[in-house]
Amino acid sequence: MVGIVPFIVAFFVAPVVSIHPSLAALFFSIWMLAIWMMLFTVWTNYYLDIWIVTDKRIINIDQIHLFKREVSTLRIERVQDIKIETDGFFATMFGFGNLQVQTAGPEASFYLIKGIPNTSYVRNTILERVDMATEYKSSLEYNRDKRPTEGE
């Protein structure tokens, strides 16, 4: 919508004000450059926001601006709840949504990833990793408790 504003303004203003063609071309070029810069920034922000899910951690790389990035990690055992939000007709039809991961600890924190495809698959994958880590941790504790002590 923002990209067509100069054309609408030019349509209504052109009969009233005479502008030199080179000046109009300059304004058009500046406007198109601004539109391309905004689109590039939005694309970069979307494309460089990454979640990496391993068997031990979830790594969230969040591209804030072109030269500003935040990287946060959380241990997979700390995941408490995963919430899926799907808003609107098109998000439901195409399977896009937001995924929110809540972690345990003194301060419950939330990690949010917006606009991801196939949110149910991502949620199930993370929950499988959480279950695997929990089972592994409990088996280690069980084996540690079963070991004979030095006095036996």
Protein backbone atom coordinates (compact mmCIF):
# COMPACT_ATOMS: atom_id res chain seq x y z
CA MET A 1 0.00 0.00 0.00
CA VAL A 2 2.80 2.38 0.90
CA GLY A 3 4.45 1.79 -2.47
CA ILE A 4 1.55 3.25 -4.47
CA VAL A 5 1.11 6.44 -2.41
CA PRO A 6 3.30 8.61 -4.72
CA PHE A 7 1.30 7.51 -7.76
CA ILE A 8 -2.00 8.40 -6.12
CA VAL A 9 -0.63 11.77 -4.99
CA ALA A 10 0.83 12.44 -8.44
CA PHE A 11 -2.51 11.61 -10.08
CA PHE A 12 -4.36 14.22 -8.02
CA VAL A 13 -1.61 16.84 -7.83
CA ALA A 14 -0.36 16.69 -11.45
CA PRO A 15 -3.20 18.72 -12.98
CA VAL A 16 -2.71 21.51 -10.43
CA VAL A 17 1.09 21.74 -10.14
CA SER A 18 3.59 21.51 -12.97
CA ILE A 19 6.76 19.61 -12.02
CA HIS A 20 9.84 19.20 -14.17
CA PRO A 21 10.15 15.56 -15.37
CA SER A 22 13.66 15.15 -13.97
CA LEU A 23 12.46 16.29 -10.53
CA ALA A 24 9.59 13.80 -10.68
CA ALA A 25 12.06 11.05 -11.65
CA LEU A 26 14.26 12.02 -8.67
CA PHE A 27 11.31 11.81 -6.23
CA PHE A 28 10.24 8.50 -7.76
CA SER A 29 13.77 7.06 -7.45
CA ILE A 30 14.09 8.14 -3.82
CA TRP A 31 10.68 6.65 -3.03
CA MET A 32 11.50 3.33 -4.70
CA LEU A 33 14.86 3.21 -2.89
CA ALA A 34 13.08 3.69 0.45
CA ILE A 35 10.57 0.94 -0.40
CA TRP A 36 13.36 -1.49 -1.35
CA MET A 37 15.26 -0.68 1.85
CA MET A 38 12.16 -1.38 3.96
CA LEU A 39 11.49 -4.65 2.13
CA PHE A 40 15.13 -5.71 2.53
CA THR A 41 15.02 -4.96 6.26
CA VAL A 42 11.83 -6.97 6.73
CA TRP A 43 13.21 -9.87 4.68
CA THR A 44 16.52 -9.84 6.58
CA ASN A 45 14.72 -9.83 9.92
CA TYR A 46 12.55 -12.78 8.87
CA TYR A 47 15.27 -14.78 7.15
CA LEU A 48 17.95 -14.41 9.85
CA ASP A 49 15.70 -15.25 12.84
CA ILE A 50 16.72 -18.83 13.55
CA TRP A 51 15.88 -21.46 16.15
CA ILE A 52 18.21 -24.41 16.43
CA VAL A 53 16.83 -27.37 18.37
CA THR A 54 19.37 -29.96 19.51
CA ASP A 55 19.13 -32.80 21.99
CA LYS A 56 20.52 -30.57 24.77
CA ARG A 57 19.58 -26.97 23.97
CA ILE A 58 17.36 -24.61 22.04
CA ILE A 59 19.32 -21.74 20.52
CA ASN A 60 17.38 -18.64 19.50
CA ILE A 61 19.15 -16.22 17.14
CA ASP A 62 17.03 -13.09 16.81
CA GLN A 63 18.03 -10.49 14.22
CA ILE A 64 16.82 -7.19 15.70
CA HIS A 65 18.21 -4.74 13.13
CA LEU A 66 20.62 -5.05 10.25
CA PHE A 67 23.66 -4.94 12.57
CA LYS A 68 22.09 -6.01 15.87
CA ARG A 69 21.53 -9.64 16.86
CA GLU A 70 20.53 -11.34 20.10
CA VAL A 71 21.46 -14.96 20.78
CA SER A 72 19.85 -16.79 23.68
CA THR A 73 20.03 -20.42 24.69
CA LEU A 74 17.96 -22.53 26.99
CA ARG A 75 18.50 -26.03 28.20
CA ILE A 76 15.99 -28.48 26.84
CA GLU A 77 15.18 -29.77 30.34
CA ARG A 78 13.86 -26.34 31.34
CA VAL A 79 11.04 -26.34 28.78
CA GLN A 80 7.72 -26.40 30.65
CA ASP A 81 5.06 -25.54 28.10
CA ILE A 82 4.76 -24.88 24.38
CA LYS A 83 1.88 -22.77 23.12
CA ILE A 84 0.78 -22.45 19.51
CA GLU A 85 -1.15 -19.42 18.25
CA THR A 86 -2.78 -19.40 14.82
CA ASP A 87 -4.61 -16.16 14.04
CA GLY A 88 -6.77 -15.62 11.00
CA PHE A 89 -8.10 -17.43 8.00
CA PHE A 90 -4.91 -17.45 5.89
CA ALA A 91 -2.69 -18.54 8.78
CA THR A 92 -5.06 -21.45 9.41
CA MET A 93 -5.27 -22.39 5.72
CA PHE A 94 -1.52 -22.29 5.14
CA GLY A 95 -0.49 -23.64 8.54
CA PHE A 96 1.44 -20.61 9.81
CA GLY A 97 1.47 -19.45 13.38
CA ASN A 98 3.43 -18.34 16.42
CA LEU A 99 5.17 -20.70 18.81
CA GLN A 100 5.78 -19.69 22.43
CA VAL A 101 8.05 -21.75 24.69
CA GLN A 102 7.81 -21.26 28.45
CA THR A 103 10.77 -22.22 30.60
CA ALA A 104 11.11 -23.17 34.24
CA GLY A 105 13.11 -21.29 36.80
CA PRO A 106 12.84 -18.51 39.35
CA GLU A 107 11.75 -16.19 36.57
CA ALA A 108 9.53 -17.94 34.08
CA SER A 109 10.59 -16.67 30.68
CA PHE A 110 8.95 -16.97 27.31
CA TYR A 111 10.62 -17.44 23.95
CA LEU A 112 8.48 -16.48 20.97
CA ILE A 113 9.00 -17.25 17.32
CA LYS A 114 6.55 -15.63 14.93
CA GLY A 115 5.23 -16.71 11.55
CA ILE A 116 6.59 -20.22 11.31
CA PRO A 117 5.12 -22.87 9.05
CA ASN A 118 3.83 -26.18 10.42
CA THR A 119 3.74 -25.16 14.08
CA SER A 120 2.40 -28.52 15.26
CA TYR A 121 5.38 -30.36 13.78
CA VAL A 122 7.84 -27.95 15.42
CA ARG A 123 6.06 -28.25 18.78
CA ASN A 124 6.06 -32.05 18.58
CA THR A 125 9.75 -32.11 17.64
CA ILE A 126 10.68 -29.94 20.62
CA LEU A 127 8.52 -32.02 22.97
CA GLU A 128 10.15 -35.23 21.70
CA ARG A 129 13.56 -33.75 22.49
CA VAL A 130 12.33 -32.72 25.95
CA ASP A 131 11.04 -36.25 26.60
CA MET A 132 14.31 -37.79 25.41
CA ALA A 133 16.35 -35.49 27.65
CA THR A 134 14.09 -36.17 30.64
CA GLU A 135 14.29 -39.95 30.14
CA TYR A 136 18.06 -39.81 29.75
CA LYS A 137 18.45 -37.70 32.88
CA SER A 138 16.20 -39.99 34.93
CA SER A 139 18.08 -43.08 33.71
CA LEU A 140 21.36 -41.50 34.82
CA GLU A 141 19.91 -40.74 38.25
CA TYR A 142 18.49 -44.27 38.50
CA ASN A 143 21.84 -45.84 37.60
CA ARG A 144 23.65 -43.59 40.05
CA ASP A 145 21.31 -44.68 42.85
CA LYS A 146 21.74 -48.37 41.95
CA ARG A 147 25.55 -48.36 42.09
CA PRO A 148 27.01 -50.14 45.08
CA THR A 149 28.57 -47.94 47.71
CA GLU A 150 32.15 -48.44 48.83
CA GLY A 151 31.11 -50.18 52.05
CA GLU A 152 29.24 -52.97 50.22
